[in-house]
Amino acid sequence: MDIEAKAEGVQGQLAIGQTLKMLQALIT
């Protein structure tokens, strides 16, 4: 899974919930 690709184009700061989900997916 390419986490960077999912974060591209996101403007501003991610909500903590979004950040945690992305981190969980990366670790998994």
PDB file of all heavy atoms in Angstrom:
ATOM      1  N   MET A   1       0.852  -1.179   0.000  1.00  0.00           N
ATOM      2  CA  MET A   1       0.000   0.000   0.000  1.00  0.00           C
ATOM      3  C   MET A   1       0.890   1.231   0.000  1.00  0.00           C
ATOM      4  O   MET A   1       1.833   1.320   0.757  1.00  0.00           O
ATOM      5  CB  MET A   1      -0.890  -0.015   1.233  1.00  0.00           C
ATOM      6  CG  MET A   1      -1.700   1.226   1.366  1.00  0.00           C
ATOM      7  SD  MET A   1      -2.720   1.253   2.847  1.00  0.00           S
ATOM      8  CE  MET A   1      -4.006   0.160   2.339  1.00  0.00           C
ATOM      9  N   ASP A   2       0.568   2.214  -0.802  1.00  0.00           N
ATOM     10  CA  ASP A   2       1.368   3.412  -0.899  1.00  0.00           C
ATOM     11  C   ASP A   2       0.687   4.531  -0.120  1.00  0.00           C
ATOM     12  O   ASP A   2      -0.214   5.203  -0.612  1.00  0.00           O
ATOM     13  CB  ASP A   2       1.543   3.791  -2.374  1.00  0.00           C
ATOM     14  CG  ASP A   2       2.474   4.978  -2.543  1.00  0.00           C
ATOM     15  OD1 ASP A   2       3.258   5.263  -1.641  1.00  0.00           O
ATOM     16  OD2 ASP A   2       2.398   5.604  -3.605  1.00  0.00           O
ATOM     17  N   ILE A   3       1.121   4.721   1.127  1.00  0.00           N
ATOM     18  CA  ILE A   3       0.514   5.721   1.997  1.00  0.00           C
ATOM     19  C   ILE A   3       0.771   7.128   1.483  1.00  0.00           C
ATOM     20  O   ILE A   3      -0.080   7.986   1.559  1.00  0.00           O
ATOM     21  CB  ILE A   3       1.053   5.573   3.441  1.00  0.00           C
ATOM     22  CG1 ILE A   3       0.730   4.181   3.993  1.00  0.00           C
ATOM     23  CG2 ILE A   3       0.497   6.644   4.351  1.00  0.00           C
ATOM     24  CD1 ILE A   3      -0.739   3.842   4.019  1.00  0.00           C
ATOM     25  N   GLU A   4       1.954   7.378   0.942  1.00  0.00           N
ATOM     26  CA  GLU A   4       2.259   8.713   0.417  1.00  0.00           C
ATOM     27  C   GLU A   4       1.257   9.132  -0.638  1.00  0.00           C
ATOM     28  O   GLU A   4       0.828  10.267  -0.676  1.00  0.00           O
ATOM     29  CB  GLU A   4       3.667   8.728  -0.188  1.00  0.00           C
ATOM     30  CG  GLU A   4       4.725   9.107   0.813  1.00  0.00           C
ATOM     31  CD  GLU A   4       6.077   9.237   0.150  1.00  0.00           C
ATOM     32  OE1 GLU A   4       6.168   9.836  -0.939  1.00  0.00           O
ATOM     33  OE2 GLU A   4       7.030   8.735   0.739  1.00  0.00           O
ATOM     34  N   ALA A   5       0.885   8.210  -1.497  1.00  0.00           N
ATOM     35  CA  ALA A   5      -0.062   8.538  -2.563  1.00  0.00           C
ATOM     36  C   ALA A   5      -1.399   8.970  -1.974  1.00  0.00           C
ATOM     37  O   ALA A   5      -2.049   9.851  -2.502  1.00  0.00           O
ATOM     38  CB  ALA A   5      -0.254   7.331  -3.481  1.00  0.00           C
ATOM     39  N   LYS A   6      -1.794   8.350  -0.857  1.00  0.00           N
ATOM     40  CA  LYS A   6      -3.067   8.732  -0.249  1.00  0.00           C
ATOM     41  C   LYS A   6      -2.995  10.109   0.386  1.00  0.00           C
ATOM     42  O   LYS A   6      -3.988  10.788   0.506  1.00  0.00           O
ATOM     43  CB  LYS A   6      -3.474   7.697   0.801  1.00  0.00           C
ATOM     44  CG  LYS A   6      -3.857   6.384   0.180  1.00  0.00           C
ATOM     45  CD  LYS A   6      -4.489   5.482   1.202  1.00  0.00           C
ATOM     46  CE  LYS A   6      -4.933   4.220   0.494  1.00  0.00           C
ATOM     47  NZ  LYS A   6      -6.068   3.619   1.053  1.00  0.00           N
ATOM     48  N   ALA A   7      -1.809  10.517   0.828  1.00  0.00           N
ATOM     49  CA  ALA A   7      -1.671  11.815   1.486  1.00  0.00           C
ATOM     50  C   ALA A   7      -1.483  12.952   0.490  1.00  0.00           C
ATOM     51  O   ALA A   7      -1.680  14.100   0.831  1.00  0.00           O
ATOM     52  CB  ALA A   7      -0.491  11.772   2.460  1.00  0.00           C
ATOM     53  N   GLU A   8      -1.100  12.641  -0.753  1.00  0.00           N
ATOM     54  CA  GLU A   8      -0.894  13.691  -1.739  1.00  0.00           C
ATOM     55  C   GLU A   8      -2.191  14.430  -2.012  1.00  0.00           C
ATOM     56  O   GLU A   8      -3.260  13.841  -2.050  1.00  0.00           O
ATOM     57  CB  GLU A   8      -0.373  13.093  -3.053  1.00  0.00           C
ATOM     58  CG  GLU A   8       1.068  12.681  -2.989  1.00  0.00           C
ATOM     59  CD  GLU A   8       1.537  12.038  -4.284  1.00  0.00           C
ATOM     60  OE1 GLU A   8       0.826  12.146  -5.307  1.00  0.00           O
ATOM     61  OE2 GLU A   8       2.599  11.417  -4.247  1.00  0.00           O
ATOM     62  N   GLY A   9      -2.076  15.701  -2.213  1.00  0.00           N
ATOM     63  CA  GLY A   9      -3.248  16.495  -2.549  1.00  0.00           C
ATOM     64  C   GLY A   9      -4.061  16.920  -1.342  1.00  0.00           C
ATOM     65  O   GLY A   9      -5.009  17.657  -1.474  1.00  0.00           O
ATOM     66  N   VAL A  10      -3.710  16.457  -0.154  1.00  0.00           N
ATOM     67  CA  VAL A  10      -4.449  16.853   1.039  1.00  0.00           C
ATOM     68  C   VAL A  10      -3.984  18.244   1.430  1.00  0.00           C
ATOM     69  O   VAL A  10      -2.799  18.478   1.599  1.00  0.00           O
ATOM     70  CB  VAL A  10      -4.203  15.849   2.197  1.00  0.00           C
ATOM     71  CG1 VAL A  10      -4.880  16.343   3.465  1.00  0.00           C
ATOM     72  CG2 VAL A  10      -4.703  14.472   1.823  1.00  0.00           C
ATOM     73  N   GLN A  11      -4.917  19.163   1.512  1.00  0.00           N
ATOM     74  CA  GLN A  11      -4.595  20.539   1.867  1.00  0.00           C
ATOM     75  C   GLN A  11      -4.718  20.705   3.380  1.00  0.00           C
ATOM     76  O   GLN A  11      -5.640  20.211   3.987  1.00  0.00           O
ATOM     77  CB  GLN A  11      -5.568  21.504   1.175  1.00  0.00           C
ATOM     78  CG  GLN A  11      -5.491  21.451  -0.322  1.00  0.00           C
ATOM     79  CD  GLN A  11      -4.175  22.019  -0.836  1.00  0.00           C
ATOM     80  OE1 GLN A  11      -3.676  22.990  -0.299  1.00  0.00           O
ATOM     81  NE2 GLN A  11      -3.628  21.409  -1.868  1.00  0.00           N
ATOM     82  N   GLY A  12      -3.773  21.402   3.969  1.00  0.00           N
ATOM     83  CA  GLY A  12      -3.866  21.698   5.397  1.00  0.00           C
ATOM     84  C   GLY A  12      -3.502  20.504   6.249  1.00  0.00           C
ATOM     85  O   GLY A  12      -2.889  19.548   5.797  1.00  0.00           O
ATOM     86  N   GLN A  13      -3.931  20.567   7.495  1.00  0.00           N
ATOM     87  CA  GLN A  13      -3.592  19.559   8.478  1.00  0.00           C
ATOM     88  C   GLN A  13      -4.623  18.429   8.464  1.00  0.00           C
ATOM     89  O   GLN A  13      -5.819  18.668   8.317  1.00  0.00           O
ATOM     90  CB  GLN A  13      -3.593  20.214   9.854  1.00  0.00           C
ATOM     91  CG  GLN A  13      -2.570  19.689  10.771  1.00  0.00           C
ATOM     92  CD  GLN A  13      -2.526  20.538  12.041  1.00  0.00           C
ATOM     93  OE1 GLN A  13      -3.410  21.349  12.291  1.00  0.00           O
ATOM     94  NE2 GLN A  13      -1.514  20.329  12.821  1.00  0.00           N
ATOM     95  N   LEU A  14      -4.137  17.192   8.588  1.00  0.00           N
ATOM     96  CA  LEU A  14      -5.039  16.053   8.682  1.00  0.00           C
ATOM     97  C   LEU A  14      -5.610  15.971  10.086  1.00  0.00           C
ATOM     98  O   LEU A  14      -4.923  16.280  11.060  1.00  0.00           O
ATOM     99  CB  LEU A  14      -4.287  14.751   8.379  1.00  0.00           C
ATOM    100  CG  LEU A  14      -3.830  14.530   6.946  1.00  0.00           C
ATOM    101  CD1 LEU A  14      -2.996  13.262   6.857  1.00  0.00           C
ATOM    102  CD2 LEU A  14      -5.021  14.430   6.019  1.00  0.00           C
ATOM    103  N   ALA A  15      -6.835  15.520  10.196  1.00  0.00           N
ATOM    104  CA  ALA A  15      -7.427  15.291  11.505  1.00  0.00           C
ATOM    105  C   ALA A  15      -6.686  14.134  12.167  1.00  0.00           C
ATOM    106  O   ALA A  15      -6.155  13.256  11.488  1.00  0.00           O
ATOM    107  CB  ALA A  15      -8.908  14.966  11.355  1.00  0.00           C
ATOM    108  N   ILE A  16      -6.662  14.125  13.487  1.00  0.00           N
ATOM    109  CA  ILE A  16      -5.933  13.089  14.214  1.00  0.00           C
ATOM    110  C   ILE A  16      -6.448  11.699  13.849  1.00  0.00           C
ATOM    111  O   ILE A  16      -5.667  10.765  13.715  1.00  0.00           O
ATOM    112  CB  ILE A  16      -5.983  13.336  15.747  1.00  0.00           C
ATOM    113  CG1 ILE A  16      -5.050  12.371  16.497  1.00  0.00           C
ATOM    114  CG2 ILE A  16      -7.389  13.177  16.279  1.00  0.00           C
ATOM    115  CD1 ILE A  16      -3.609  12.687  16.343  1.00  0.00           C
ATOM    116  N   GLY A  17      -7.737  11.552  13.649  1.00  0.00           N
ATOM    117  CA  GLY A  17      -8.301  10.258  13.261  1.00  0.00           C
ATOM    118  C   GLY A  17      -7.768   9.779  11.923  1.00  0.00           C
ATOM    119  O   GLY A  17      -7.440   8.602  11.750  1.00  0.00           O
ATOM    120  N   GLN A  18      -7.672  10.696  10.958  1.00  0.00           N
ATOM    121  CA  GLN A  18      -7.129  10.349   9.647  1.00  0.00           C
ATOM    122  C   GLN A  18      -5.660   9.963   9.756  1.00  0.00           C
ATOM    123  O   GLN A  18      -5.216   9.001   9.141  1.00  0.00           O
ATOM    124  CB  GLN A  18      -7.272  11.524   8.683  1.00  0.00           C
ATOM    125  CG  GLN A  18      -8.689  11.862   8.316  1.00  0.00           C
ATOM    126  CD  GLN A  18      -8.739  13.155   7.525  1.00  0.00           C
ATOM    127  OE1 GLN A  18      -8.224  14.186   7.958  1.00  0.00           O
ATOM    128  NE2 GLN A  18      -9.360  13.087   6.355  1.00  0.00           N
ATOM    129  N   THR A  19      -4.910  10.716  10.531  1.00  0.00           N
ATOM    130  CA  THR A  19      -3.488  10.433  10.706  1.00  0.00           C
ATOM    131  C   THR A  19      -3.288   9.064  11.342  1.00  0.00           C
ATOM    132  O   THR A  19      -2.436   8.276  10.900  1.00  0.00           O
ATOM    133  CB  THR A  19      -2.829  11.528  11.572  1.00  0.00           C
ATOM    134  OG1 THR A  19      -3.072  12.791  10.964  1.00  0.00           O
ATOM    135  CG2 THR A  19      -1.334  11.290  11.711  1.00  0.00           C
ATOM    136  N   LEU A  20      -4.076   8.756  12.364  1.00  0.00           N
ATOM    137  CA  LEU A  20      -3.951   7.463  13.035  1.00  0.00           C
ATOM    138  C   LEU A  20      -4.297   6.304  12.099  1.00  0.00           C
ATOM    139  O   LEU A  20      -3.629   5.264  12.113  1.00  0.00           O
ATOM    140  CB  LEU A  20      -4.821   7.427  14.290  1.00  0.00           C
ATOM    141  CG  LEU A  20      -4.347   8.305  15.440  1.00  0.00           C
ATOM    142  CD1 LEU A  20      -5.356   8.286  16.584  1.00  0.00           C
ATOM    143  CD2 LEU A  20      -2.967   7.905  15.923  1.00  0.00           C
ATOM    144  N   LYS A  21      -5.326   6.476  11.276  1.00  0.00           N
ATOM    145  CA  LYS A  21      -5.690   5.430  10.316  1.00  0.00           C
ATOM    146  C   LYS A  21      -4.581   5.212   9.297  1.00  0.00           C
ATOM    147  O   LYS A  21      -4.272   4.074   8.927  1.00  0.00           O
ATOM    148  CB  LYS A  21      -7.008   5.773   9.611  1.00  0.00           C
ATOM    149  CG  LYS A  21      -8.218   5.545  10.482  1.00  0.00           C
ATOM    150  CD  LYS A  21      -9.497   5.863   9.744  1.00  0.00           C
ATOM    151  CE  LYS A  21     -10.683   5.685  10.674  1.00  0.00           C
ATOM    152  NZ  LYS A  21     -11.936   5.934  10.016  1.00  0.00           N
ATOM    153  N   MET A  22      -3.979   6.297   8.831  1.00  0.00           N
ATOM    154  CA  MET A  22      -2.886   6.165   7.871  1.00  0.00           C
ATOM    155  C   MET A  22      -1.674   5.488   8.511  1.00  0.00           C
ATOM    156  O   MET A  22      -1.040   4.621   7.901  1.00  0.00           O
ATOM    157  CB  MET A  22      -2.497   7.543   7.326  1.00  0.00           C
ATOM    158  CG  MET A  22      -3.550   8.129   6.403  1.00  0.00           C
ATOM    159  SD  MET A  22      -3.189   9.818   5.896  1.00  0.00           S
ATOM    160  CE  MET A  22      -1.689   9.572   4.974  1.00  0.00           C
ATOM    161  N   LEU A  23      -1.374   5.846   9.747  1.00  0.00           N
ATOM    162  CA  LEU A  23      -0.255   5.231  10.458  1.00  0.00           C
ATOM    163  C   LEU A  23      -0.513   3.747  10.694  1.00  0.00           C
ATOM    164  O   LEU A  23       0.367   2.914  10.511  1.00  0.00           O
ATOM    165  CB  LEU A  23      -0.013   5.952  11.781  1.00  0.00           C
ATOM    166  CG  LEU A  23       1.152   5.441  12.618  1.00  0.00           C
ATOM    167  CD1 LEU A  23       2.467   5.543  11.857  1.00  0.00           C
ATOM    168  CD2 LEU A  23       1.229   6.225  13.930  1.00  0.00           C
ATOM    169  N   GLN A  24      -1.726   3.408  11.073  1.00  0.00           N
ATOM    170  CA  GLN A  24      -2.092   2.006  11.285  1.00  0.00           C
ATOM    171  C   GLN A  24      -1.927   1.208   9.992  1.00  0.00           C
ATOM    172  O   GLN A  24      -1.384   0.104   9.992  1.00  0.00           O
ATOM    173  CB  GLN A  24      -3.523   1.905  11.801  1.00  0.00           C
ATOM    174  CG  GLN A  24      -3.947   0.483  12.103  1.00  0.00           C
ATOM    175  CD  GLN A  24      -5.376   0.428  12.625  1.00  0.00           C
ATOM    176  OE1 GLN A  24      -6.108   1.421  12.629  1.00  0.00           O
ATOM    177  NE2 GLN A  24      -5.778  -0.748  13.066  1.00  0.00           N
ATOM    178  N   ALA A  25      -2.383   1.754   8.879  1.00  0.00           N
ATOM    179  CA  ALA A  25      -2.257   1.073   7.592  1.00  0.00           C
ATOM    180  C   ALA A  25      -0.786   0.887   7.218  1.00  0.00           C
ATOM    181  O   ALA A  25      -0.389  -0.181   6.721  1.00  0.00           O
ATOM    182  CB  ALA A  25      -2.984   1.853   6.504  1.00  0.00           C
ATOM    183  N   LEU A  26       0.028   1.895   7.473  1.00  0.00           N
ATOM    184  CA  LEU A  26       1.458   1.817   7.175  1.00  0.00           C
ATOM    185  C   LEU A  26       2.128   0.721   8.007  1.00  0.00           C
ATOM    186  O   LEU A  26       2.879  -0.104   7.479  1.00  0.00           O
ATOM    187  CB  LEU A  26       2.128   3.166   7.447  1.00  0.00           C
ATOM    188  CG  LEU A  26       3.650   3.206   7.275  1.00  0.00           C
ATOM    189  CD1 LEU A  26       4.014   2.994   5.812  1.00  0.00           C
ATOM    190  CD2 LEU A  26       4.199   4.521   7.786  1.00  0.00           C
ATOM    191  N   ILE A  27       1.859   0.689   9.291  1.00  0.00           N
ATOM    192  CA  ILE A  27       2.458  -0.316  10.172  1.00  0.00           C
ATOM    193  C   ILE A  27       1.977  -1.716   9.797  1.00  0.00           C
ATOM    194  O   ILE A  27       2.764  -2.661   9.742  1.00  0.00           O
ATOM    195  CB  ILE A  27       2.155   0.011  11.648  1.00  0.00           C
ATOM    196  CG1 ILE A  27       2.918   1.271  12.047  1.00  0.00           C
ATOM    197  CG2 ILE A  27       2.516  -1.154  12.563  1.00  0.00           C
ATOM    198  CD1 ILE A  27       2.523   1.835  13.392  1.00  0.00           C
ATOM    199  N   THR A  28       0.698  -1.861   9.532  1.00  0.00           N
ATOM    200  CA  THR A  28       0.148  -3.159   9.144  1.00  0.00           C
ATOM    201  C   THR A  28       0.816  -3.664   7.877  1.00  0.00           C
ATOM    202  O   THR A  28       1.218  -4.831   7.794  1.00  0.00           O
ATOM    203  CB  THR A  28      -1.378  -3.055   8.940  1.00  0.00           C
ATOM    204  OG1 THR A  28      -1.967  -2.655  10.178  1.00  0.00           O
ATOM    205  CG2 THR A  28      -1.970  -4.376   8.503  1.00  0.00           C
TER     206      THR A  28
END
